[in-house]
Every structure is written in C-alpha cells, then in structure tokens.
Amino acid sequence: MADQVQELLEVPREFLRDGMQFMNRCQKPDRKEFLKISQAVGVGFLIMGAVGFIVKLSKASPLRLDRKVIR
C-alpha cells in the first residue's frame, strides 16, 4: 500500500522537476525574434479574418444560385 502511495506521489514531483528544468533552459526572445513572431501572428490573423469575412459574405448573399429568391 505504501509503495502505491509513493508511486502516486512521484508522478507530480517528476512533472514539477521536468517543468522547472524546461523553464530554466528557456530564454526570452530578443527584440528581432519578438518582432518576427508578432508579424507572423498578425499576418495569420489578417488571413483568417479575410477568410471568415469572405465566408460570411457568401452565406449572407441573397442572390444564391442554388435557391430561388421569393419576393
């Protein structure tokens, strides 16, 4: 029973130890890298926004070819 408890407690300890090692190895990006990442994210937002806008326009159009418009 005690071995099972020790195994159960070892998992979070190992996770925290690995997480701390990872955080200690990481470093903050410099200004050039930060600007490059920010530009890539901004372009991605613009592309996804344009795609969403085009899809919304195509769905909201009253002149669809597949249905008859009743007036």
PDB file of N, CA and C in Angstrom:
ATOM      1  N   MET A   1       0.820  -1.195   0.000  1.00  0.00           N
ATOM      2  CA  MET A   1       0.000   0.000   0.000  1.00  0.00           C
ATOM      3  C   MET A   1       0.871   1.269   0.000  1.00  0.00           C
ATOM      4  N   ALA A   2       1.918   1.254   0.800  1.00  0.00           N
ATOM      5  CA  ALA A   2       2.800   2.422   0.885  1.00  0.00           C
ATOM      6  C   ALA A   2       3.535   2.642  -0.432  1.00  0.00           C
ATOM      7  N   ASP A   3       3.870   1.543  -1.123  1.00  0.00           N
ATOM      8  CA  ASP A   3       4.543   1.673  -2.413  1.00  0.00           C
ATOM      9  C   ASP A   3       3.638   2.338  -3.443  1.00  0.00           C
ATOM     10  N   GLN A   4       2.350   2.004  -3.394  1.00  0.00           N
ATOM     11  CA  GLN A   4       1.400   2.608  -4.336  1.00  0.00           C
ATOM     12  C   GLN A   4       1.263   4.102  -4.072  1.00  0.00           C
ATOM     13  N   VAL A   5       1.250   4.476  -2.795  1.00  0.00           N
ATOM     14  CA  VAL A   5       1.151   5.895  -2.440  1.00  0.00           C
ATOM     15  C   VAL A   5       2.406   6.630  -2.911  1.00  0.00           C
ATOM     16  N   GLN A   6       3.578   6.021  -2.714  1.00  0.00           N
ATOM     17  CA  GLN A   6       4.822   6.642  -3.160  1.00  0.00           C
ATOM     18  C   GLN A   6       4.836   6.818  -4.674  1.00  0.00           C
ATOM     19  N   GLU A   7       4.367   5.800  -5.401  1.00  0.00           N
ATOM     20  CA  GLU A   7       4.297   5.909  -6.863  1.00  0.00           C
ATOM     21  C   GLU A   7       3.346   7.020  -7.274  1.00  0.00           C
ATOM     22  N   LEU A   8       2.219   7.116  -6.563  1.00  0.00           N
ATOM     23  CA  LEU A   8       1.224   8.141  -6.877  1.00  0.00           C
ATOM     24  C   LEU A   8       1.784   9.542  -6.608  1.00  0.00           C
ATOM     25  N   LEU A   9       2.584   9.685  -5.555  1.00  0.00           N
ATOM     26  CA  LEU A   9       3.164  10.987  -5.231  1.00  0.00           C
ATOM     27  C   LEU A   9       4.365  11.320  -6.109  1.00  0.00           C
ATOM     28  N   GLU A  10       4.996  10.311  -6.692  1.00  0.00           N
ATOM     29  CA  GLU A  10       6.186  10.538  -7.513  1.00  0.00           C
ATOM     30  C   GLU A  10       5.839  11.213  -8.849  1.00  0.00           C
ATOM     31  N   VAL A  11       4.663  10.946  -9.384  1.00  0.00           N
ATOM     32  CA  VAL A  11       4.280  11.498 -10.689  1.00  0.00           C
ATOM     33  C   VAL A  11       4.248  13.030 -10.668  1.00  0.00           C
ATOM     34  N   PRO A  12       3.554  13.676  -9.708  1.00  0.00           N
ATOM     35  CA  PRO A  12       3.581  15.152  -9.709  1.00  0.00           C
ATOM     36  C   PRO A  12       4.974  15.724  -9.437  1.00  0.00           C
ATOM     37  N   ARG A  13       5.759  15.043  -8.582  1.00  0.00           N
ATOM     38  CA  ARG A  13       7.113  15.527  -8.304  1.00  0.00           C
ATOM     39  C   ARG A  13       7.966  15.506  -9.569  1.00  0.00           C
ATOM     40  N   GLU A  14       7.875  14.410 -10.312  1.00  0.00           N
ATOM     41  CA  GLU A  14       8.648  14.296 -11.551  1.00  0.00           C
ATOM     42  C   GLU A  14       8.192  15.334 -12.574  1.00  0.00           C
ATOM     43  N   PHE A  15       6.877  15.560 -12.641  1.00  0.00           N
ATOM     44  CA  PHE A  15       6.336  16.564 -13.557  1.00  0.00           C
ATOM     45  C   PHE A  15       6.868  17.952 -13.202  1.00  0.00           C
ATOM     46  N   LEU A  16       6.853  18.288 -11.916  1.00  0.00           N
ATOM     47  CA  LEU A  16       7.356  19.598 -11.485  1.00  0.00           C
ATOM     48  C   LEU A  16       8.855  19.729 -11.742  1.00  0.00           C
ATOM     49  N   ARG A  17       9.607  18.673 -11.494  1.00  0.00           N
ATOM     50  CA  ARG A  17      11.051  18.707 -11.727  1.00  0.00           C
ATOM     51  C   ARG A  17      11.342  18.925 -13.209  1.00  0.00           C
ATOM     52  N   ASP A  18      10.648  18.178 -14.068  1.00  0.00           N
ATOM     53  CA  ASP A  18      10.844  18.347 -15.511  1.00  0.00           C
ATOM     54  C   ASP A  18      10.424  19.741 -15.972  1.00  0.00           C
ATOM     55  N   GLY A  19       9.334  20.247 -15.409  1.00  0.00           N
ATOM     56  CA  GLY A  19       8.868  21.583 -15.766  1.00  0.00           C
ATOM     57  C   GLY A  19       9.856  22.661 -15.365  1.00  0.00           C
ATOM     58  N   MET A  20      10.439  22.527 -14.183  1.00  0.00           N
ATOM     59  CA  MET A  20      11.427  23.511 -13.730  1.00  0.00           C
ATOM     60  C   MET A  20      12.686  23.457 -14.597  1.00  0.00           C
ATOM     61  N   GLN A  21      13.117  22.262 -14.990  1.00  0.00           N
ATOM     62  CA  GLN A  21      14.281  22.146 -15.872  1.00  0.00           C
ATOM     63  C   GLN A  21      13.998  22.814 -17.215  1.00  0.00           C
ATOM     64  N   PHE A  22      12.788  22.608 -17.734  1.00  0.00           N
ATOM     65  CA  PHE A  22      12.411  23.218 -19.011  1.00  0.00           C
ATOM     66  C   PHE A  22      12.412  24.739 -18.906  1.00  0.00           C
ATOM     67  N   MET A  23      11.818  25.270 -17.839  1.00  0.00           N
ATOM     68  CA  MET A  23      11.750  26.721 -17.679  1.00  0.00           C
ATOM     69  C   MET A  23      13.141  27.332 -17.494  1.00  0.00           C
ATOM     70  N   ASN A  24      14.027  26.623 -16.836  1.00  0.00           N
ATOM     71  CA  ASN A  24      15.388  27.141 -16.650  1.00  0.00           C
ATOM     72  C   ASN A  24      16.163  27.157 -17.960  1.00  0.00           C
ATOM     73  N   ARG A  25      15.857  26.248 -18.880  1.00  0.00           N
ATOM     74  CA  ARG A  25      16.544  26.218 -20.172  1.00  0.00           C
ATOM     75  C   ARG A  25      15.986  27.250 -21.143  1.00  0.00           C
ATOM     76  N   CYS A  26      14.749  27.676 -20.944  1.00  0.00           N
ATOM     77  CA  CYS A  26      14.116  28.626 -21.870  1.00  0.00           C
ATOM     78  C   CYS A  26      14.718  30.020 -21.691  1.00  0.00           C
ATOM     79  N   GLN A  27      14.625  30.802 -22.739  1.00  0.00           N
ATOM     80  CA  GLN A  27      15.075  32.185 -22.659  1.00  0.00           C
ATOM     81  C   GLN A  27      14.063  33.082 -23.364  1.00  0.00           C
ATOM     82  N   LYS A  28      14.035  34.332 -22.955  1.00  0.00           N
ATOM     83  CA  LYS A  28      13.129  35.282 -23.583  1.00  0.00           C
ATOM     84  C   LYS A  28      13.636  35.613 -24.984  1.00  0.00           C
ATOM     85  N   PRO A  29      12.726  35.824 -25.926  1.00  0.00           N
ATOM     86  CA  PRO A  29      13.174  36.192 -27.274  1.00  0.00           C
ATOM     87  C   PRO A  29      13.736  37.612 -27.281  1.00  0.00           C
ATOM     88  N   ASP A  30      14.705  37.838 -28.152  1.00  0.00           N
ATOM     89  CA  ASP A  30      15.223  39.194 -28.289  1.00  0.00           C
ATOM     90  C   ASP A  30      14.239  40.012 -29.131  1.00  0.00           C
ATOM     91  N   ARG A  31      14.527  41.282 -29.294  1.00  0.00           N
ATOM     92  CA  ARG A  31      13.596  42.185 -29.980  1.00  0.00           C
ATOM     93  C   ARG A  31      13.329  41.746 -31.419  1.00  0.00           C
ATOM     94  N   LYS A  32      14.379  41.323 -32.126  1.00  0.00           N
ATOM     95  CA  LYS A  32      14.237  40.917 -33.524  1.00  0.00           C
ATOM     96  C   LYS A  32      13.343  39.679 -33.640  1.00  0.00           C
ATOM     97  N   GLU A  33      13.575  38.700 -32.775  1.00  0.00           N
ATOM     98  CA  GLU A  33      12.767  37.479 -32.811  1.00  0.00           C
ATOM     99  C   GLU A  33      11.320  37.773 -32.422  1.00  0.00           C
ATOM    100  N   PHE A  34      11.127  38.643 -31.425  1.00  0.00           N
ATOM    101  CA  PHE A  34       9.781  39.006 -30.998  1.00  0.00           C
ATOM    102  C   PHE A  34       9.012  39.688 -32.128  1.00  0.00           C
ATOM    103  N   LEU A  35       9.665  40.608 -32.844  1.00  0.00           N
ATOM    104  CA  LEU A  35       9.001  41.295 -33.951  1.00  0.00           C
ATOM    105  C   LEU A  35       8.649  40.324 -35.074  1.00  0.00           C
ATOM    106  N   LYS A  36       9.525  39.377 -35.341  1.00  0.00           N
ATOM    107  CA  LYS A  36       9.263  38.390 -36.388  1.00  0.00           C
ATOM    108  C   LYS A  36       8.053  37.524 -36.020  1.00  0.00           C
ATOM    109  N   ILE A  37       7.986  37.078 -34.767  1.00  0.00           N
ATOM    110  CA  ILE A  37       6.852  36.271 -34.308  1.00  0.00           C
ATOM    111  C   ILE A  37       5.572  37.099 -34.350  1.00  0.00           C
ATOM    112  N   SER A  38       5.644  38.357 -33.905  1.00  0.00           N
ATOM    113  CA  SER A  38       4.465  39.231 -33.905  1.00  0.00           C
ATOM    114  C   SER A  38       3.949  39.470 -35.320  1.00  0.00           C
ATOM    115  N   GLN A  39       4.848  39.659 -36.263  1.00  0.00           N
ATOM    116  CA  GLN A  39       4.431  39.857 -37.653  1.00  0.00           C
ATOM    117  C   GLN A  39       3.760  38.606 -38.204  1.00  0.00           C
ATOM    118  N   ALA A  40       4.314  37.444 -37.900  1.00  0.00           N
ATOM    119  CA  ALA A  40       3.729  36.196 -38.386  1.00  0.00           C
ATOM    120  C   ALA A  40       2.332  35.997 -37.807  1.00  0.00           C
ATOM    121  N   VAL A  41       2.163  36.287 -36.527  1.00  0.00           N
ATOM    122  CA  VAL A  41       0.847  36.154 -35.895  1.00  0.00           C
ATOM    123  C   VAL A  41      -0.127  37.164 -36.493  1.00  0.00           C
ATOM    124  N   GLY A  42       0.326  38.393 -36.714  1.00  0.00           N
ATOM    125  CA  GLY A  42      -0.535  39.416 -37.307  1.00  0.00           C
ATOM    126  C   GLY A  42      -0.994  39.046 -38.704  1.00  0.00           C
ATOM    127  N   VAL A  43      -0.092  38.528 -39.521  1.00  0.00           N
ATOM    128  CA  VAL A  43      -0.464  38.096 -40.875  1.00  0.00           C
ATOM    129  C   VAL A  43      -1.462  36.949 -40.794  1.00  0.00           C
ATOM    130  N   GLY A  44      -1.254  36.037 -39.862  1.00  0.00           N
ATOM    131  CA  GLY A  44      -2.194  34.928 -39.683  1.00  0.00           C
ATOM    132  C   GLY A  44      -3.576  35.421 -39.303  1.00  0.00           C
ATOM    133  N   PHE A  45      -3.638  36.399 -38.381  1.00  0.00           N
ATOM    134  CA  PHE A  45      -4.926  36.983 -38.002  1.00  0.00           C
ATOM    135  C   PHE A  45      -5.604  37.636 -39.203  1.00  0.00           C
ATOM    136  N   LEU A  46      -4.848  38.377 -39.994  1.00  0.00           N
ATOM    137  CA  LEU A  46      -5.428  39.039 -41.166  1.00  0.00           C
ATOM    138  C   LEU A  46      -5.971  38.024 -42.172  1.00  0.00           C
ATOM    139  N   ILE A  47      -5.211  36.967 -42.417  1.00  0.00           N
ATOM    140  CA  ILE A  47      -5.658  35.945 -43.369  1.00  0.00           C
ATOM    141  C   ILE A  47      -6.917  35.256 -42.860  1.00  0.00           C
ATOM    142  N   MET A  48      -6.924  34.867 -41.588  1.00  0.00           N
ATOM    143  CA  MET A  48      -8.099  34.182 -41.035  1.00  0.00           C
ATOM    144  C   MET A  48      -9.312  35.115 -41.009  1.00  0.00           C
ATOM    145  N   GLY A  49      -9.083  36.395 -40.720  1.00  0.00           N
ATOM    146  CA  GLY A  49     -10.182  37.357 -40.738  1.00  0.00           C
ATOM    147  C   GLY A  49     -10.745  37.538 -42.135  1.00  0.00           C
ATOM    148  N   ALA A  50      -9.871  37.604 -43.132  1.00  0.00           N
ATOM    149  CA  ALA A  50     -10.333  37.746 -44.517  1.00  0.00           C
ATOM    150  C   ALA A  50     -11.114  36.516 -44.957  1.00  0.00           C
ATOM    151  N   VAL A  51     -10.624  35.338 -44.603  1.00  0.00           N
ATOM    152  CA  VAL A  51     -11.342  34.106 -44.960  1.00  0.00           C
ATOM    153  C   VAL A  51     -12.713  34.090 -44.297  1.00  0.00           C
ATOM    154  N   GLY A  52     -12.772  34.437 -43.019  1.00  0.00           N
ATOM    155  CA  GLY A  52     -14.053  34.474 -42.315  1.00  0.00           C
ATOM    156  C   GLY A  52     -15.009  35.485 -42.918  1.00  0.00           C
ATOM    157  N   PHE A  53     -14.488  36.644 -43.305  1.00  0.00           N
ATOM    158  CA  PHE A  53     -15.328  37.675 -43.912  1.00  0.00           C
ATOM    159  C   PHE A  53     -15.884  37.207 -45.252  1.00  0.00           C
ATOM    160  N   ILE A  54     -15.048  36.579 -46.056  1.00  0.00           N
ATOM    161  CA  ILE A  54     -15.498  36.080 -47.361  1.00  0.00           C
ATOM    162  C   ILE A  54     -16.550  34.997 -47.190  1.00  0.00           C
ATOM    163  N   VAL A  55     -16.346  34.104 -46.236  1.00  0.00           N
ATOM    164  CA  VAL A  55     -17.334  33.049 -45.984  1.00  0.00           C
ATOM    165  C   VAL A  55     -18.642  33.657 -45.516  1.00  0.00           C
ATOM    166  N   LYS A  56     -18.577  34.649 -44.629  1.00  0.00           N
ATOM    167  CA  LYS A  56     -19.796  35.290 -44.147  1.00  0.00           C
ATOM    168  C   LYS A  56     -20.520  36.008 -45.283  1.00  0.00           C
ATOM    169  N   LEU A  57     -19.771  36.679 -46.155  1.00  0.00           N
ATOM    170  CA  LEU A  57     -20.396  37.345 -47.296  1.00  0.00           C
ATOM    171  C   LEU A  57     -21.074  36.341 -48.224  1.00  0.00           C
ATOM    172  N   SER A  58     -20.434  35.215 -48.432  1.00  0.00           N
ATOM    173  CA  SER A  58     -21.013  34.230 -49.347  1.00  0.00           C
ATOM    174  C   SER A  58     -22.265  33.601 -48.753  1.00  0.00           C
ATOM    175  N   LYS A  59     -22.337  33.481 -47.446  1.00  0.00           N
ATOM    176  CA  LYS A  59     -23.518  32.886 -46.818  1.00  0.00           C
ATOM    177  C   LYS A  59     -24.654  33.894 -46.685  1.00  0.00           C
ATOM    178  N   ALA A  60     -24.350  35.184 -46.594  1.00  0.00           N
ATOM    179  CA  ALA A  60     -25.366  36.205 -46.387  1.00  0.00           C
ATOM    180  C   ALA A  60     -25.913  36.758 -47.696  1.00  0.00           C
ATOM    181  N   SER A  61     -25.362  36.366 -48.813  1.00  0.00           N
ATOM    182  CA  SER A  61     -25.779  36.903 -50.098  1.00  0.00           C
ATOM    183  C   SER A  61     -27.186  36.428 -50.460  1.00  0.00           C
ATOM    184  N   PRO A  62     -28.115  37.349 -50.793  1.00  0.00           N
ATOM    185  CA  PRO A  62     -29.473  36.933 -51.155  1.00  0.00           C
ATOM    186  C   PRO A  62     -29.557  36.375 -52.583  1.00  0.00           C
ATOM    187  N   LEU A  63     -28.551  36.561 -53.382  1.00  0.00           N
ATOM    188  CA  LEU A  63     -28.582  36.110 -54.769  1.00  0.00           C
ATOM    189  C   LEU A  63     -27.814  34.802 -54.928  1.00  0.00           C
ATOM    190  N   ARG A  64     -28.254  33.803 -54.228  1.00  0.00           N
ATOM    191  CA  ARG A  64     -27.607  32.499 -54.353  1.00  0.00           C
ATOM    192  C   ARG A  64     -28.093  31.814 -55.614  1.00  0.00           C
ATOM    193  N   LEU A  65     -27.223  31.070 -56.222  1.00  0.00           N
ATOM    194  CA  LEU A  65     -27.579  30.380 -57.455  1.00  0.00           C
ATOM    195  C   LEU A  65     -28.325  29.077 -57.195  1.00  0.00           C
ATOM    196  N   ASP A  66     -28.172  28.523 -55.992  1.00  0.00           N
ATOM    197  CA  ASP A  66     -28.781  27.230 -55.730  1.00  0.00           C
ATOM    198  C   ASP A  66     -30.216  27.335 -55.220  1.00  0.00           C
ATOM    199  N   ARG A  67     -30.704  28.512 -54.863  1.00  0.00           N
ATOM    200  CA  ARG A  67     -32.078  28.675 -54.372  1.00  0.00           C
ATOM    201  C   ARG A  67     -32.765  29.802 -55.136  1.00  0.00           C
ATOM    202  N   LYS A  68     -34.062  29.681 -55.245  1.00  0.00           N
ATOM    203  CA  LYS A  68     -34.837  30.757 -55.858  1.00  0.00           C
ATOM    204  C   LYS A  68     -35.194  31.781 -54.787  1.00  0.00           C
ATOM    205  N   VAL A  69     -35.108  33.045 -55.150  1.00  0.00           N
ATOM    206  CA  VAL A  69     -35.470  34.106 -54.231  1.00  0.00           C
ATOM    207  C   VAL A  69     -36.944  34.410 -54.434  1.00  0.00           C
ATOM    208  N   ILE A  70     -37.729  34.283 -53.362  1.00  0.00           N
ATOM    209  CA  ILE A  70     -39.170  34.553 -53.432  1.00  0.00           C
ATOM    210  C   ILE A  70     -39.402  35.968 -52.935  1.00  0.00           C
ATOM    211  N   ARG A  71     -40.109  36.744 -53.763  1.00  0.00           N
ATOM    212  CA  ARG A  71     -40.390  38.127 -53.377  1.00  0.00           C
ATOM    213  C   ARG A  71     -41.860  38.348 -53.273  1.00  0.00           C
TER     214      ARG A  71
END
